[in-house]
Amino acid sequence: MSQNQPFQDIADNLSYLDDWEDRLNYLIELGQALPPMADADKTDDNKVRGCVSNVWLVSGVDRSAGPAVLTFRGQSDAIITKGLVAVLIALYSGRPAAEIAETDAIEWFRKLGLSEHLGMQRSNGLVAMVNRIRNEARAALA
C-alpha cells in the first residue's frame, strides 16, 4: 500500500538519522511544525484516553468523492508526544477509512526505528492514539 507523501518524507528523513538523539530532535521539530489547535477543540471528547500527557485528536470525514476519507488534526502539551502526533497525522490523514483501519502504525514506528526508545508510558499512549484513529475509521465505514 502506498503511503501519503508527508509520511514518506518523514520515513526518508528518518532513514538518514542513525543516532537516537537526532531522531528525537527530528520528532520534536515535527511536533513544533503542527498547526496550533484552537482551545475550543481541546475538549474532553477530543482528548485521547490512555495518554499520560494531554493529547487531542480531531477528525473529519469527507464522503464527497465516494468512499469515506478521513482527515486528522492533533496537538499535545508534551513536546515528544506532539512529534508522535505529527507522524500519525502524516501516516493517516487524507486516506480512505478502509486503509486507515488496516494500517498498523505501531509496525511502521518499529520499521522506522522510533518505537524501541519510547518507554512504556509513551508506547501505551501511542497505542491509545492509534486505536482511537483506527476506531474512528471503522466507525466511518459502518
C-alpha atoms as a PDB file:
ATOM      1  CA  MET A   1       0.000   0.000   0.000  1.00  0.00           C
ATOM      2  CA  SER A   2       1.369   3.386  -0.924  1.00  0.00           C
ATOM      3  CA  GLN A   3       1.934   5.945   1.799  1.00  0.00           C
ATOM      4  CA  ASN A   4       0.974   9.595   1.926  1.00  0.00           C
ATOM      5  CA  GLN A   5       3.793  11.819   0.686  1.00  0.00           C
ATOM      6  CA  PRO A   6       4.135  13.600   4.063  1.00  0.00           C
ATOM      7  CA  PHE A   7       4.668  10.245   5.781  1.00  0.00           C
ATOM      8  CA  GLN A   8       7.057   9.079   3.059  1.00  0.00           C
ATOM      9  CA  ASP A   9       9.067  12.291   3.553  1.00  0.00           C
ATOM     10  CA  ILE A  10       9.297  11.595   7.305  1.00  0.00           C
ATOM     11  CA  ALA A  11      10.355   7.983   6.666  1.00  0.00           C
ATOM     12  CA  ASP A  12      13.007   9.147   4.181  1.00  0.00           C
ATOM     13  CA  ASN A  13      14.361  11.769   6.581  1.00  0.00           C
ATOM     14  CA  LEU A  14      14.489   9.276   9.450  1.00  0.00           C
ATOM     15  CA  SER A  15      16.427   6.834   7.281  1.00  0.00           C
ATOM     16  CA  TYR A  16      19.330   9.325   7.256  1.00  0.00           C
ATOM     17  CA  LEU A  17      19.384   9.684  11.054  1.00  0.00           C
ATOM     18  CA  ASP A  18      21.321   6.904  12.778  1.00  0.00           C
ATOM     19  CA  ASP A  19      21.549   8.473  16.207  1.00  0.00           C
ATOM     20  CA  TRP A  20      18.533   8.259  18.555  1.00  0.00           C
ATOM     21  CA  GLU A  21      19.142  11.820  19.745  1.00  0.00           C
ATOM     22  CA  ASP A  22      18.948  13.073  16.142  1.00  0.00           C
ATOM     23  CA  ARG A  23      15.706  11.120  15.636  1.00  0.00           C
ATOM     24  CA  LEU A  24      14.307  12.566  18.855  1.00  0.00           C
ATOM     25  CA  ASN A  25      15.210  16.105  17.775  1.00  0.00           C
ATOM     26  CA  TYR A  26      13.538  15.462  14.420  1.00  0.00           C
ATOM     27  CA  LEU A  27      10.373  14.230  16.210  1.00  0.00           C
ATOM     28  CA  ILE A  28      10.379  17.410  18.298  1.00  0.00           C
ATOM     29  CA  GLU A  29      10.725  19.528  15.128  1.00  0.00           C
ATOM     30  CA  LEU A  30       7.780  17.686  13.539  1.00  0.00           C
ATOM     31  CA  GLY A  31       5.671  18.402  16.608  1.00  0.00           C
ATOM     32  CA  GLN A  32       6.646  22.073  16.607  1.00  0.00           C
ATOM     33  CA  ALA A  33       5.525  22.284  12.962  1.00  0.00           C
ATOM     34  CA  LEU A  34       1.983  21.106  13.788  1.00  0.00           C
ATOM     35  CA  PRO A  35      -0.587  23.855  13.351  1.00  0.00           C
ATOM     36  CA  PRO A  36      -1.845  25.187  16.679  1.00  0.00           C
ATOM     37  CA  MET A  37      -5.172  23.824  17.856  1.00  0.00           C
ATOM     38  CA  ALA A  38      -7.914  26.182  18.990  1.00  0.00           C
ATOM     39  CA  ASP A  39      -8.804  25.905  22.657  1.00  0.00           C
ATOM     40  CA  ALA A  40     -12.368  25.178  21.518  1.00  0.00           C
ATOM     41  CA  ASP A  41     -11.071  21.880  20.044  1.00  0.00           C
ATOM     42  CA  LYS A  42      -9.297  20.871  23.254  1.00  0.00           C
ATOM     43  CA  THR A  43     -12.431  19.246  24.618  1.00  0.00           C
ATOM     44  CA  ASP A  44     -12.940  16.134  26.668  1.00  0.00           C
ATOM     45  CA  ASP A  45     -14.464  14.405  23.610  1.00  0.00           C
ATOM     46  CA  ASN A  46     -11.320  15.095  21.554  1.00  0.00           C
ATOM     47  CA  LYS A  47      -8.935  14.047  24.320  1.00  0.00           C
ATOM     48  CA  VAL A  48      -7.232  10.682  23.810  1.00  0.00           C
ATOM     49  CA  ARG A  49      -7.704   8.330  26.772  1.00  0.00           C
ATOM     50  CA  GLY A  50      -4.671   6.309  27.797  1.00  0.00           C
ATOM     51  CA  CYS A  51      -2.074   9.039  27.269  1.00  0.00           C
ATOM     52  CA  VAL A  52      -0.159  10.368  30.271  1.00  0.00           C
ATOM     53  CA  SER A  53       0.247  13.751  28.578  1.00  0.00           C
ATOM     54  CA  ASN A  54      -2.702  15.644  27.145  1.00  0.00           C
ATOM     55  CA  VAL A  55      -3.382  14.649  23.540  1.00  0.00           C
ATOM     56  CA  TRP A  56      -6.282  15.891  21.443  1.00  0.00           C
ATOM     57  CA  LEU A  57      -7.294  14.466  18.071  1.00  0.00           C
ATOM     58  CA  VAL A  58      -9.971  15.933  15.825  1.00  0.00           C
ATOM     59  CA  SER A  59     -11.164  14.007  12.794  1.00  0.00           C
ATOM     60  CA  GLY A  60     -13.186  14.920   9.761  1.00  0.00           C
ATOM     61  CA  VAL A  61     -14.903  12.636   7.267  1.00  0.00           C
ATOM     62  CA  ASP A  62     -15.290  13.507   3.580  1.00  0.00           C
ATOM     63  CA  ARG A  63     -17.636  11.313   1.553  1.00  0.00           C
ATOM     64  CA  SER A  64     -17.900  13.663  -1.454  1.00  0.00           C
ATOM     65  CA  ALA A  65     -15.709  11.541  -3.760  1.00  0.00           C
ATOM     66  CA  GLY A  66     -17.143   8.142  -2.800  1.00  0.00           C
ATOM     67  CA  PRO A  67     -15.515   6.126  -0.030  1.00  0.00           C
ATOM     68  CA  ALA A  68     -15.041   7.942   3.294  1.00  0.00           C
ATOM     69  CA  VAL A  69     -11.719   9.785   3.533  1.00  0.00           C
ATOM     70  CA  LEU A  70     -10.616  10.881   6.989  1.00  0.00           C
ATOM     71  CA  THR A  71      -8.514  13.877   7.942  1.00  0.00           C
ATOM     72  CA  PHE A  72      -6.958  14.418  11.336  1.00  0.00           C
ATOM     73  CA  ARG A  73      -5.661  17.337  13.325  1.00  0.00           C
ATOM     74  CA  GLY A  74      -3.923  16.901  16.630  1.00  0.00           C
ATOM     75  CA  GLN A  75      -1.992  18.517  19.419  1.00  0.00           C
ATOM     76  CA  SER A  76      -0.284  17.605  22.689  1.00  0.00           C
ATOM     77  CA  ASP A  77       1.130  19.521  25.610  1.00  0.00           C
ATOM     78  CA  ALA A  78       4.269  17.306  25.636  1.00  0.00           C
ATOM     79  CA  ILE A  79       6.972  18.019  23.030  1.00  0.00           C
ATOM     80  CA  ILE A  80       7.903  14.437  22.152  1.00  0.00           C
ATOM     81  CA  THR A  81       4.298  13.254  22.155  1.00  0.00           C
ATOM     82  CA  LYS A  82       3.434  16.173  19.854  1.00  0.00           C
ATOM     83  CA  GLY A  83       6.019  14.750  17.420  1.00  0.00           C
ATOM     84  CA  LEU A  84       4.360  11.327  17.612  1.00  0.00           C
ATOM     85  CA  VAL A  85       1.023  13.002  16.843  1.00  0.00           C
ATOM     86  CA  ALA A  86       2.622  14.677  13.796  1.00  0.00           C
ATOM     87  CA  VAL A  87       3.880  11.312  12.485  1.00  0.00           C
ATOM     88  CA  LEU A  88       0.455   9.700  12.982  1.00  0.00           C
ATOM     89  CA  ILE A  89      -1.267  12.563  11.155  1.00  0.00           C
ATOM     90  CA  ALA A  90       1.215  12.209   8.286  1.00  0.00           C
ATOM     91  CA  LEU A  91       0.529   8.458   8.171  1.00  0.00           C
ATOM     92  CA  TYR A  92      -3.260   8.509   8.438  1.00  0.00           C
ATOM     93  CA  SER A  93      -4.718  11.872   7.418  1.00  0.00           C
ATOM     94  CA  GLY A  94      -6.245  12.170   3.949  1.00  0.00           C
ATOM     95  CA  ARG A  95      -6.573   8.421   3.446  1.00  0.00           C
ATOM     96  CA  PRO A  96      -9.649   6.254   2.881  1.00  0.00           C
ATOM     97  CA  ALA A  97     -11.199   4.883   6.064  1.00  0.00           C
ATOM     98  CA  ALA A  98     -10.662   1.284   4.894  1.00  0.00           C
ATOM     99  CA  GLU A  99      -6.897   1.857   4.522  1.00  0.00           C
ATOM    100  CA  ILE A 100      -6.685   3.591   7.901  1.00  0.00           C
ATOM    101  CA  ALA A 101      -8.497   0.717   9.604  1.00  0.00           C
ATOM    102  CA  GLU A 102      -5.964  -1.741   8.113  1.00  0.00           C
ATOM    103  CA  THR A 103      -2.761   0.299   8.668  1.00  0.00           C
ATOM    104  CA  ASP A 104      -0.771  -0.684  11.751  1.00  0.00           C
ATOM    105  CA  ALA A 105       1.119   2.441  12.793  1.00  0.00           C
ATOM    106  CA  ILE A 106       2.883   0.552  15.589  1.00  0.00           C
ATOM    107  CA  GLU A 107       4.527  -1.642  12.946  1.00  0.00           C
ATOM    108  CA  TRP A 108       5.537   1.470  10.967  1.00  0.00           C
ATOM    109  CA  PHE A 109       7.057   3.036  14.085  1.00  0.00           C
ATOM    110  CA  ARG A 110       9.033  -0.178  14.617  1.00  0.00           C
ATOM    111  CA  LYS A 111      10.248  -0.181  10.987  1.00  0.00           C
ATOM    112  CA  LEU A 112      11.289   3.459  11.284  1.00  0.00           C
ATOM    113  CA  GLY A 113      13.245   2.764  14.465  1.00  0.00           C
ATOM    114  CA  LEU A 114      11.060   5.041  16.577  1.00  0.00           C
ATOM    115  CA  SER A 115       9.466   2.567  18.951  1.00  0.00           C
ATOM    116  CA  GLU A 116      12.401   0.973  20.772  1.00  0.00           C
ATOM    117  CA  HIS A 117      13.325   4.136  22.717  1.00  0.00           C
ATOM    118  CA  LEU A 118       9.861   5.412  23.604  1.00  0.00           C
ATOM    119  CA  GLY A 119       9.451   3.862  27.034  1.00  0.00           C
ATOM    120  CA  MET A 120       6.358   2.174  28.413  1.00  0.00           C
ATOM    121  CA  GLN A 121       4.179   5.249  29.069  1.00  0.00           C
ATOM    122  CA  ARG A 122       4.779   6.802  25.629  1.00  0.00           C
ATOM    123  CA  SER A 123       4.333   3.410  23.944  1.00  0.00           C
ATOM    124  CA  ASN A 124       0.998   2.956  25.722  1.00  0.00           C
ATOM    125  CA  GLY A 125      -0.017   6.472  24.694  1.00  0.00           C
ATOM    126  CA  LEU A 126       0.970   5.774  21.097  1.00  0.00           C
ATOM    127  CA  VAL A 127      -1.177   2.622  21.085  1.00  0.00           C
ATOM    128  CA  ALA A 128      -4.085   4.652  22.526  1.00  0.00           C
ATOM    129  CA  MET A 129      -3.737   7.265  19.742  1.00  0.00           C
ATOM    130  CA  VAL A 130      -3.541   4.594  17.015  1.00  0.00           C
ATOM    131  CA  ASN A 131      -6.558   2.748  18.413  1.00  0.00           C
ATOM    132  CA  ARG A 132      -8.547   5.992  18.529  1.00  0.00           C
ATOM    133  CA  ILE A 133      -7.707   6.797  14.874  1.00  0.00           C
ATOM    134  CA  ARG A 134      -8.402   3.282  13.615  1.00  0.00           C
ATOM    135  CA  ASN A 135     -11.679   3.106  15.594  1.00  0.00           C
ATOM    136  CA  GLU A 136     -12.809   6.379  14.007  1.00  0.00           C
ATOM    137  CA  ALA A 137     -12.011   4.887  10.588  1.00  0.00           C
ATOM    138  CA  ARG A 138     -14.023   1.763  11.406  1.00  0.00           C
ATOM    139  CA  ALA A 139     -16.919   3.948  12.584  1.00  0.00           C
ATOM    140  CA  ALA A 140     -16.816   5.859   9.275  1.00  0.00           C
ATOM    141  CA  LEU A 141     -17.073   2.542   7.437  1.00  0.00           C
ATOM    142  CA  ALA A 142     -20.061   1.331   9.459  1.00  0.00           C
END
